[in-house]
C-alpha atoms as a PDB file:
ATOM      1  CA  MET A   1     147.333 120.883  97.598  1.00  0.00           C
ATOM      2  CA  ILE A   2     147.654 117.375  98.819  1.00  0.00           C
ATOM      3  CA  VAL A   3     144.717 115.040  99.085  1.00  0.00           C
ATOM      4  CA  TYR A   4     144.295 111.477 100.365  1.00  0.00           C
ATOM      5  CA  LEU A   5     142.725 108.765  98.029  1.00  0.00           C
ATOM      6  CA  ASN A   6     142.640 105.090  98.852  1.00  0.00           C
ATOM      7  CA  GLY A   7     145.793 104.752 100.883  1.00  0.00           C
ATOM      8  CA  LYS A   8     147.876 107.475  99.112  1.00  0.00           C
ATOM      9  CA  PHE A   9     148.755 111.096  99.729  1.00  0.00           C
ATOM     10  CA  LEU A  10     148.809 112.798  96.286  1.00  0.00           C
ATOM     11  CA  GLU A  11     148.861 116.136  94.591  1.00  0.00           C
ATOM     12  CA  GLN A  12     145.194 117.007  93.848  1.00  0.00           C
ATOM     13  CA  GLN A  13     145.659 117.175  90.202  1.00  0.00           C
ATOM     14  CA  LYS A  14     147.097 113.674  90.115  1.00  0.00           C
ATOM     15  CA  ALA A  15     144.226 112.045  92.162  1.00  0.00           C
ATOM     16  CA  ALA A  16     141.802 110.078  90.017  1.00  0.00           C
ATOM     17  CA  VAL A  17     138.954 107.745  90.644  1.00  0.00           C
ATOM     18  CA  SER A  18     137.630 105.101  88.295  1.00  0.00           C
ATOM     19  CA  VAL A  19     134.824 105.939  85.887  1.00  0.00           C
ATOM     20  CA  ALA A  20     133.159 102.868  87.273  1.00  0.00           C
ATOM     21  CA  ASP A  21     133.086 104.297  90.776  1.00  0.00           C
ATOM     22  CA  ARG A  22     129.488 104.108  92.075  1.00  0.00           C
ATOM     23  CA  GLY A  23     129.870 107.513  93.662  1.00  0.00           C
ATOM     24  CA  PHE A  24     130.511 108.912  90.070  1.00  0.00           C
ATOM     25  CA  ILE A  25     127.761 106.798  88.492  1.00  0.00           C
ATOM     26  CA  PHE A  26     125.114 106.757  91.051  1.00  0.00           C
ATOM     27  CA  GLY A  27     126.036 109.172  93.886  1.00  0.00           C
ATOM     28  CA  ASP A  28     126.365 106.084  96.001  1.00  0.00           C
ATOM     29  CA  GLY A  29     128.236 107.477  98.933  1.00  0.00           C
ATOM     30  CA  ILE A  30     128.334 109.402 102.163  1.00  0.00           C
ATOM     31  CA  TYR A  31     130.430 112.411 103.349  1.00  0.00           C
ATOM     32  CA  GLU A  32     131.368 114.541 106.395  1.00  0.00           C
ATOM     33  CA  VAL A  33     132.881 117.970 106.869  1.00  0.00           C
ATOM     34  CA  ILE A  34     134.712 118.592 110.070  1.00  0.00           C
ATOM     35  CA  ARG A  35     135.744 121.941 111.405  1.00  0.00           C
ATOM     36  CA  VAL A  36     139.340 122.349 112.654  1.00  0.00           C
ATOM     37  CA  VAL A  37     140.556 125.157 114.996  1.00  0.00           C
ATOM     38  CA  GLU A  38     144.271 125.261 115.596  1.00  0.00           C
ATOM     39  CA  GLY A  39     144.695 121.681 114.588  1.00  0.00           C
ATOM     40  CA  LYS A  40     141.861 120.422 116.799  1.00  0.00           C
ATOM     41  CA  PHE A  41     138.962 118.641 115.170  1.00  0.00           C
ATOM     42  CA  ILE A  42     135.758 120.026 116.545  1.00  0.00           C
ATOM     43  CA  MET A  43     133.225 117.476 117.799  1.00  0.00           C
ATOM     44  CA  GLU A  44     135.320 114.798 116.086  1.00  0.00           C
ATOM     45  CA  ASN A  45     133.584 111.807 117.690  1.00  0.00           C
ATOM     46  CA  GLU A  46     130.114 113.192 116.787  1.00  0.00           C
ATOM     47  CA  HIS A  47     131.110 113.577 113.093  1.00  0.00           C
ATOM     48  CA  LEU A  48     132.665 110.053 112.987  1.00  0.00           C
ATOM     49  CA  SER A  49     129.652 108.545 114.681  1.00  0.00           C
ATOM     50  CA  ARG A  50     127.395 110.196 112.040  1.00  0.00           C
ATOM     51  CA  LEU A  51     129.682 108.847 109.381  1.00  0.00           C
ATOM     52  CA  ASP A  52     129.210 105.349 110.812  1.00  0.00           C
ATOM     53  CA  GLU A  53     125.411 105.848 110.819  1.00  0.00           C
ATOM     54  CA  GLY A  54     125.559 106.880 107.182  1.00  0.00           C
ATOM     55  CA  LEU A  55     127.736 103.932 106.087  1.00  0.00           C
ATOM     56  CA  ASN A  56     125.463 101.583 107.924  1.00  0.00           C
ATOM     57  CA  GLY A  57     122.384 103.303 106.404  1.00  0.00           C
ATOM     58  CA  LEU A  58     123.853 102.709 102.864  1.00  0.00           C
ATOM     59  CA  ARG A  59     125.319  99.331 103.767  1.00  0.00           C
ATOM     60  CA  ILE A  60     128.808 100.296 102.769  1.00  0.00           C
ATOM     61  CA  ARG A  61     131.394  98.203 104.576  1.00  0.00           C
ATOM     62  CA  LEU A  62     134.613 100.298 105.215  1.00  0.00           C
ATOM     63  CA  ASP A  63     137.536  98.222 106.581  1.00  0.00           C
ATOM     64  CA  GLU A  64     137.701  98.835 110.282  1.00  0.00           C
ATOM     65  CA  ASP A  65     141.468  99.647 110.312  1.00  0.00           C
ATOM     66  CA  ILE A  66     140.816 102.316 107.565  1.00  0.00           C
ATOM     67  CA  ARG A  67     137.833 103.686 109.499  1.00  0.00           C
ATOM     68  CA  THR A  68     139.813 104.047 112.675  1.00  0.00           C
ATOM     69  CA  SER A  69     142.771 105.721 110.843  1.00  0.00           C
ATOM     70  CA  ILE A  70     140.567 108.545 109.417  1.00  0.00           C
ATOM     71  CA  PRO A  71     141.491 111.040 112.192  1.00  0.00           C
ATOM     72  CA  GLU A  72     145.205 110.307 111.767  1.00  0.00           C
ATOM     73  CA  ILE A  73     144.931 110.730 108.072  1.00  0.00           C
ATOM     74  CA  GLY A  74     143.071 113.998 108.502  1.00  0.00           C
ATOM     75  CA  ARG A  75     145.774 115.379 110.775  1.00  0.00           C
ATOM     76  CA  GLU A  76     148.535 114.375 108.420  1.00  0.00           C
ATOM     77  CA  LEU A  77     146.683 116.100 105.628  1.00  0.00           C
ATOM     78  CA  LEU A  78     146.381 119.239 107.753  1.00  0.00           C
ATOM     79  CA  LYS A  79     150.152 119.071 108.330  1.00  0.00           C
ATOM     80  CA  LYS A  80     151.045 118.513 104.751  1.00  0.00           C
ATOM     81  CA  ASN A  81     148.862 121.392 103.561  1.00  0.00           C
ATOM     82  CA  GLY A  82     150.036 123.804 106.244  1.00  0.00           C
ATOM     83  CA  HIS A  83     146.558 124.014 107.792  1.00  0.00           C
ATOM     84  CA  LEU A  84     147.449 123.109 111.409  1.00  0.00           C
ATOM     85  CA  THR A  85     147.245 126.766 112.507  1.00  0.00           C
ATOM     86  CA  GLY A  86     144.209 128.988 112.255  1.00  0.00           C
ATOM     87  CA  GLU A  87     140.972 127.485 111.034  1.00  0.00           C
ATOM     88  CA  ALA A  88     140.358 124.820 108.409  1.00  0.00           C
ATOM     89  CA  THR A  89     137.917 122.066 107.328  1.00  0.00           C
ATOM     90  CA  VAL A  90     138.502 118.431 106.584  1.00  0.00           C
ATOM     91  CA  TYR A  91     136.302 116.941 103.909  1.00  0.00           C
ATOM     92  CA  LEU A  92     135.895 113.099 103.778  1.00  0.00           C
ATOM     93  CA  GLN A  93     133.856 111.065 101.428  1.00  0.00           C
ATOM     94  CA  VAL A  94     133.294 107.247 101.186  1.00  0.00           C
ATOM     95  CA  THR A  95     131.644 105.662  98.112  1.00  0.00           C
ATOM     96  CA  ARG A  96     130.720 102.023  97.607  1.00  0.00           C
ATOM     97  CA  GLY A  97     133.697 101.800  95.225  1.00  0.00           C
ATOM     98  CA  ALA A  98     134.274 100.912  91.557  1.00  0.00           C
ATOM     99  CA  ALA A  99     132.235  98.080  90.026  1.00  0.00           C
ATOM    100  CA  THR A 100     131.323  96.763  86.694  1.00  0.00           C
ATOM    101  CA  PRO A 101     129.005  96.135  84.937  1.00  0.00           C
ATOM    102  CA  ARG A 102     126.844  99.136  85.847  1.00  0.00           C
ATOM    103  CA  THR A 103     123.830  97.755  87.855  1.00  0.00           C
ATOM    104  CA  HIS A 104     121.571  99.592  90.218  1.00  0.00           C
ATOM    105  CA  GLU A 105     121.744  96.811  92.737  1.00  0.00           C
ATOM    106  CA  PHE A 106     124.904  96.369  94.876  1.00  0.00           C
ATOM    107  CA  PRO A 107     127.812  94.618  93.207  1.00  0.00           C
ATOM    108  CA  ILE A 108     127.661  90.791  93.562  1.00  0.00           C
ATOM    109  CA  ASP A 109     131.421  90.547  94.088  1.00  0.00           C
ATOM    110  CA  PRO A 110     133.015  92.481  96.980  1.00  0.00           C
ATOM    111  CA  VAL A 111     134.593  95.865  96.025  1.00  0.00           C
ATOM    112  CA  GLU A 112     136.768  98.075  98.168  1.00  0.00           C
ATOM    113  CA  PRO A 113     135.031 101.455  99.063  1.00  0.00           C
ATOM    114  CA  THR A 114     136.610 104.535  97.859  1.00  0.00           C
ATOM    115  CA  LEU A 115     137.901 106.892 100.622  1.00  0.00           C
ATOM    116  CA  PHE A 116     138.703 110.498  99.688  1.00  0.00           C
ATOM    117  CA  MET A 117     139.843 113.254 102.022  1.00  0.00           C
ATOM    118  CA  SER A 118     140.906 116.871 101.575  1.00  0.00           C
ATOM    119  CA  THR A 119     141.551 119.942 103.583  1.00  0.00           C
ATOM    120  CA  LYS A 120     141.194 123.671 103.000  1.00  0.00           C
ATOM    121  CA  PRO A 121     141.533 126.884 105.055  1.00  0.00           C
ATOM    122  CA  PHE A 122     138.423 128.289 106.529  1.00  0.00           C
ATOM    123  CA  LYS A 123     137.290 131.853 107.350  1.00  0.00           C
ATOM    124  CA  PRO A 124     134.175 132.362 109.389  1.00  0.00           C
ATOM    125  CA  HIS A 125     131.437 134.522 107.882  1.00  0.00           C
ATOM    126  CA  LYS A 126     131.817 137.364 110.386  1.00  0.00           C
ATOM    127  CA  LYS A 127     129.813 139.992 108.549  1.00  0.00           C
ATOM    128  CA  LEU A 128     126.820 137.613 108.121  1.00  0.00           C
ATOM    129  CA  HIS A 129     127.099 136.645 111.872  1.00  0.00           C
ATOM    130  CA  GLU A 130     127.028 140.239 112.874  1.00  0.00           C
ATOM    131  CA  MET A 131     124.534 141.746 110.400  1.00  0.00           C
ATOM    132  CA  GLY A 132     122.470 138.744 109.438  1.00  0.00           C
ATOM    133  CA  THR A 133     121.641 137.230 106.077  1.00  0.00           C
ATOM    134  CA  ASP A 134     118.762 136.996 103.640  1.00  0.00           C
ATOM    135  CA  ALA A 135     116.839 134.028 102.182  1.00  0.00           C
ATOM    136  CA  ILE A 136     113.933 132.992 100.129  1.00  0.00           C
ATOM    137  CA  THR A 137     111.389 130.255 100.805  1.00  0.00           C
ATOM    138  CA  LEU A 138     111.483 127.247  98.453  1.00  0.00           C
ATOM    139  CA  PRO A 139     109.745 123.822  98.346  1.00  0.00           C
ATOM    140  CA  ASP A 140     111.782 121.108  99.959  1.00  0.00           C
ATOM    141  CA  VAL A 141     111.929 118.609  97.184  1.00  0.00           C
ATOM    142  CA  ARG A 142     114.568 116.307  98.767  1.00  0.00           C
ATOM    143  CA  TRP A 143     114.068 112.570  99.271  1.00  0.00           C
ATOM    144  CA  MET A 144     112.756 110.769 102.382  1.00  0.00           C
ATOM    145  CA  ARG A 145     116.134 110.032 103.900  1.00  0.00           C
ATOM    146  CA  CYS A 146     117.597 113.447 104.665  1.00  0.00           C
ATOM    147  CA  ASN A 147     118.970 112.056 107.891  1.00  0.00           C
ATOM    148  CA  LEU A 148     121.721 110.381 105.795  1.00  0.00           C
ATOM    149  CA  LYS A 149     124.477 112.736 104.751  1.00  0.00           C
ATOM    150  CA  THR A 150     124.816 111.341 101.282  1.00  0.00           C
ATOM    151  CA  ILE A 151     126.682 112.861  98.315  1.00  0.00           C
ATOM    152  CA  ASN A 152     123.333 113.128  96.513  1.00  0.00           C
ATOM    153  CA  LEU A 153     123.043 116.996  96.828  1.00  0.00           C
ATOM    154  CA  LEU A 154     121.274 117.974  93.584  1.00  0.00           C
ATOM    155  CA  PRO A 155     118.170 119.477  95.227  1.00  0.00           C
ATOM    156  CA  ASN A 156     120.420 121.346  97.676  1.00  0.00           C
ATOM    157  CA  THR A 157     122.551 122.797  94.868  1.00  0.00           C
ATOM    158  CA  LEU A 158     119.432 123.816  92.907  1.00  0.00           C
ATOM    159  CA  ALA A 159     118.037 125.500  95.941  1.00  0.00           C
ATOM    160  CA  LYS A 160     121.262 127.422  96.548  1.00  0.00           C
ATOM    161  CA  GLN A 161     121.368 128.445  92.902  1.00  0.00           C
ATOM    162  CA  ALA A 162     117.778 129.630  93.031  1.00  0.00           C
ATOM    163  CA  ALA A 163     118.704 131.683  95.999  1.00  0.00           C
ATOM    164  CA  LYS A 164     121.651 133.171  94.186  1.00  0.00           C
ATOM    165  CA  ASP A 165     119.534 133.904  91.163  1.00  0.00           C
ATOM    166  CA  ALA A 166     117.149 135.707  93.438  1.00  0.00           C
ATOM    167  CA  GLY A 167     119.980 137.878  94.858  1.00  0.00           C
ATOM    168  CA  VAL A 168     119.993 136.375  98.284  1.00  0.00           C
ATOM    169  CA  ASN A 169     122.337 134.244 100.239  1.00  0.00           C
ATOM    170  CA  SER A 170     120.214 131.041 101.034  1.00  0.00           C
ATOM    171  CA  ALA A 171     116.794 129.454 101.242  1.00  0.00           C
ATOM    172  CA  VAL A 172     114.351 128.358 103.842  1.00  0.00           C
ATOM    173  CA  MET A 173     112.866 125.003 102.635  1.00  0.00           C
ATOM    174  CA  ILE A 174     109.226 124.172 103.162  1.00  0.00           C
ATOM    175  CA  ARG A 175     107.759 120.656 103.198  1.00  0.00           C
ATOM    176  CA  ASP A 176     104.048 120.126 103.879  1.00  0.00           C
ATOM    177  CA  GLY A 177     103.638 123.705 104.919  1.00  0.00           C
ATOM    178  CA  VAL A 178     106.324 123.721 107.552  1.00  0.00           C
ATOM    179  CA  ILE A 179     109.905 124.855 107.753  1.00  0.00           C
ATOM    180  CA  THR A 180     112.460 121.972 107.607  1.00  0.00           C
ATOM    181  CA  GLU A 181     115.933 123.324 107.008  1.00  0.00           C
ATOM    182  CA  SER A 182     118.135 125.262 104.579  1.00  0.00           C
ATOM    183  CA  PRO A 183     120.160 123.595 101.718  1.00  0.00           C
ATOM    184  CA  ASN A 184     123.323 123.392 103.941  1.00  0.00           C
ATOM    185  CA  ALA A 185     122.208 124.131 107.501  1.00  0.00           C
ATOM    186  CA  ASN A 186     119.570 123.487 110.123  1.00  0.00           C
ATOM    187  CA  ILE A 187     117.090 126.169 111.162  1.00  0.00           C
ATOM    188  CA  PHE A 188     115.952 127.469 114.496  1.00  0.00           C
ATOM    189  CA  CYS A 189     113.060 129.984 115.034  1.00  0.00           C
ATOM    190  CA  VAL A 190     112.129 131.998 117.965  1.00  0.00           C
ATOM    191  CA  LYS A 191     108.239 132.276 118.389  1.00  0.00           C
ATOM    192  CA  ASN A 192     106.740 133.799 121.478  1.00  0.00           C
ATOM    193  CA  GLY A 193     110.140 133.703 123.247  1.00  0.00           C
ATOM    194  CA  VAL A 194     110.506 129.931 122.664  1.00  0.00           C
ATOM    195  CA  LEU A 195     113.153 128.408 120.360  1.00  0.00           C
ATOM    196  CA  HIS A 196     111.653 126.034 117.815  1.00  0.00           C
ATOM    197  CA  THR A 197     113.353 123.544 115.454  1.00  0.00           C
ATOM    198  CA  PHE A 198     112.096 120.800 113.249  1.00  0.00           C
ATOM    199  CA  PRO A 199     112.300 117.460 115.203  1.00  0.00           C
ATOM    200  CA  SER A 200     115.019 115.021 114.417  1.00  0.00           C
ATOM    201  CA  SER A 201     113.609 112.604 111.827  1.00  0.00           C
ATOM    202  CA  ASN A 202     114.123 111.298 108.345  1.00  0.00           C
ATOM    203  CA  TYR A 203     113.152 114.744 106.948  1.00  0.00           C
ATOM    204  CA  ILE A 204     116.247 116.636 108.133  1.00  0.00           C
ATOM    205  CA  LEU A 205     119.847 116.035 108.792  1.00  0.00           C
ATOM    206  CA  ASN A 206     120.402 115.868 112.522  1.00  0.00           C
ATOM    207  CA  GLY A 207     123.258 118.442 112.307  1.00  0.00           C
ATOM    208  CA  ILE A 208     126.209 118.232 114.739  1.00  0.00           C
ATOM    209  CA  THR A 209     125.963 121.999 115.237  1.00  0.00           C
ATOM    210  CA  ARG A 210     122.148 121.609 115.664  1.00  0.00           C
ATOM    211  CA  ARG A 211     122.897 119.193 118.574  1.00  0.00           C
ATOM    212  CA  ALA A 212     125.287 121.655 120.125  1.00  0.00           C
ATOM    213  CA  VAL A 213     122.663 124.316 120.032  1.00  0.00           C
ATOM    214  CA  LEU A 214     120.264 122.005 121.793  1.00  0.00           C
ATOM    215  CA  ASN A 215     122.775 121.588 124.562  1.00  0.00           C
ATOM    216  CA  ILE A 216     123.453 125.245 124.746  1.00  0.00           C
ATOM    217  CA  ALA A 217     119.730 126.065 124.941  1.00  0.00           C
ATOM    218  CA  SER A 218     119.504 123.602 127.871  1.00  0.00           C
ATOM    219  CA  GLN A 219     122.554 125.129 129.645  1.00  0.00           C
ATOM    220  CA  GLU A 220     121.418 128.652 129.078  1.00  0.00           C
ATOM    221  CA  GLU A 221     117.843 127.779 130.145  1.00  0.00           C
ATOM    222  CA  ILE A 222     116.345 128.972 126.823  1.00  0.00           C
ATOM    223  CA  PRO A 223     112.923 127.476 126.379  1.00  0.00           C
ATOM    224  CA  LEU A 224     112.958 125.096 123.470  1.00  0.00           C
ATOM    225  CA  VAL A 225     110.569 122.693 121.667  1.00  0.00           C
ATOM    226  CA  GLN A 226     111.357 120.373 118.785  1.00  0.00           C
ATOM    227  CA  GLU A 227     108.264 121.359 116.820  1.00  0.00           C
ATOM    228  CA  PRO A 228     108.107 122.711 113.288  1.00  0.00           C
ATOM    229  CA  VAL A 229     107.117 126.266 112.448  1.00  0.00           C
ATOM    230  CA  ARG A 230     104.462 126.742 109.734  1.00  0.00           C
ATOM    231  CA  LEU A 231     105.241 128.810 106.629  1.00  0.00           C
ATOM    232  CA  GLU A 232     102.568 131.414 107.463  1.00  0.00           C
ATOM    233  CA  GLU A 233     104.132 131.868 110.923  1.00  0.00           C
ATOM    234  CA  ILE A 234     107.332 133.384 109.408  1.00  0.00           C
ATOM    235  CA  ALA A 235     105.417 136.656 109.441  1.00  0.00           C
ATOM    236  CA  ILE A 236     105.061 136.543 113.300  1.00  0.00           C
ATOM    237  CA  ILE A 237     108.306 134.894 114.465  1.00  0.00           C
ATOM    238  CA  GLU A 238     110.763 137.110 116.272  1.00  0.00           C
ATOM    239  CA  GLU A 239     113.956 135.540 115.159  1.00  0.00           C
ATOM    240  CA  LEU A 240     115.405 132.845 112.810  1.00  0.00           C
ATOM    241  CA  PHE A 241     118.918 131.470 112.479  1.00  0.00           C
ATOM    242  CA  PHE A 242     120.936 128.819 110.588  1.00  0.00           C
ATOM    243  CA  SER A 243     123.312 126.407 112.331  1.00  0.00           C
ATOM    244  CA  GLY A 244     126.002 124.308 110.675  1.00  0.00           C
ATOM    245  CA  THR A 245     129.660 123.303 110.703  1.00  0.00           C
ATOM    246  CA  THR A 246     130.760 126.111 108.436  1.00  0.00           C
ATOM    247  CA  THR A 247     127.711 128.315 109.030  1.00  0.00           C
ATOM    248  CA  ASP A 248     128.112 128.537 112.749  1.00  0.00           C
ATOM    249  CA  ILE A 249     125.152 130.512 114.194  1.00  0.00           C
ATOM    250  CA  GLN A 250     123.887 132.795 111.352  1.00  0.00           C
ATOM    251  CA  PRO A 251     120.986 135.100 111.839  1.00  0.00           C
ATOM    252  CA  VAL A 252     118.516 135.402 109.030  1.00  0.00           C
ATOM    253  CA  THR A 253     116.950 138.866 109.042  1.00  0.00           C
ATOM    254  CA  VAL A 254     115.090 139.008 105.783  1.00  0.00           C
ATOM    255  CA  ILE A 255     112.915 136.238 104.209  1.00  0.00           C
ATOM    256  CA  ASP A 256     111.216 136.666 100.805  1.00  0.00           C
ATOM    257  CA  GLY A 257     112.012 140.472 101.001  1.00  0.00           C
ATOM    258  CA  LYS A 258     110.354 140.963 104.334  1.00  0.00           C
ATOM    259  CA  PRO A 259     112.098 141.413 107.706  1.00  0.00           C
ATOM    260  CA  VAL A 260     112.137 138.721 110.269  1.00  0.00           C
ATOM    261  CA  GLY A 261     111.004 140.245 113.554  1.00  0.00           C
ATOM    262  CA  ASN A 262     112.495 143.740 113.599  1.00  0.00           C
ATOM    263  CA  GLY A 263     114.897 142.922 110.849  1.00  0.00           C
ATOM    264  CA  LYS A 264     117.948 142.573 113.219  1.00  0.00           C
ATOM    265  CA  PRO A 265     119.537 139.579 114.929  1.00  0.00           C
ATOM    266  CA  GLY A 266     117.579 139.006 118.125  1.00  0.00           C
ATOM    267  CA  PRO A 267     118.614 138.486 121.754  1.00  0.00           C
ATOM    268  CA  VAL A 268     118.157 134.664 121.725  1.00  0.00           C
ATOM    269  CA  THR A 269     120.307 134.354 118.606  1.00  0.00           C
ATOM    270  CA  ARG A 270     123.022 136.575 120.171  1.00  0.00           C
ATOM    271  CA  LYS A 271     122.989 134.572 123.346  1.00  0.00           C
ATOM    272  CA  ILE A 272     123.427 131.298 121.480  1.00  0.00           C
ATOM    273  CA  GLN A 273     126.064 132.937 119.267  1.00  0.00           C
ATOM    274  CA  LYS A 274     128.055 133.942 122.275  1.00  0.00           C
ATOM    275  CA  ALA A 275     127.922 130.647 124.043  1.00  0.00           C
ATOM    276  CA  TYR A 276     128.662 128.754 120.830  1.00  0.00           C
ATOM    277  CA  GLY A 277     131.719 130.864 119.929  1.00  0.00           C
ATOM    278  CA  LYS A 278     133.101 130.636 123.478  1.00  0.00           C
ATOM    279  CA  MET A 279     132.825 126.909 123.415  1.00  0.00           C
ATOM    280  CA  LEU A 280     134.058 126.484 119.845  1.00  0.00           C
ATOM    281  CA  TYR A 281     137.267 128.434 120.479  1.00  0.00           C
ATOM    282  CA  SER A 282     137.921 126.953 123.846  1.00  0.00           C
ATOM    283  CA  GLY A 283     137.644 123.462 122.431  1.00  0.00           C
ATOM    284  CA  ASN A 284     134.727 122.532 124.700  1.00  0.00           C
ATOM    285  CA  LEU A 285     131.954 122.418 122.176  1.00  0.00           C
ATOM    286  CA  SER A 286     129.978 119.281 122.564  1.00  0.00           C
ATOM    287  CA  ALA A 287     126.783 117.679 121.160  1.00  0.00           C
END
């Protein structure tokens, strides 16, 4: 497998970053995952715009020429790895770079950010899309800047592991008594026929697929409000689904061992799934 690291295409096992890299030491960095279908980057501009927002939020200054070359680098990686056909993902990560001595504040002397990119084949989770998945509820213990897609993912990994330990696929995270999102996807609920999702804020990542779902709901005339759903309302909602770059539109039919609605993917979820899939594979998906 070929990866890209700081201007070079390398065999993965030969790629190495400094032990002084602030991504390694502090988790001081940002990342994106972009879906690719038959060589086409899905919602490329939206992902790169969010990357810019994250870099600005962390005050990481990536050289403009390097920033504008990211799509070209990604396509070259896809080509080198034989991932131009079928489906794949491009992972890209930018850290503040290597700096010594180790200090919590930013380096006094300018350092070059570290840019890493990789690709891998992708297979949609068709069974979960068709049958639905299960989850548990967990406290949302993440920090107050969830709108930044940072490489600090320890609460997310702990939540996914807790779900695995419980014998389920994922988690529905709860903050201040309301549903926020899952460890790796946004959440939509249907209550009284109306689609609900936590409002865009510092408490959630404003997912690219989430934005596409908002567009689809508008186009399909599905009633929607950006308002949170309370934990106790899980017992009365009709539908719940995850949305994400690699999650697509994934129905959740069981939470904490109890069925969501009638325990089957509902009509609103199916309508959005159909529209999303059509737009995804026609290359017309937008956010």
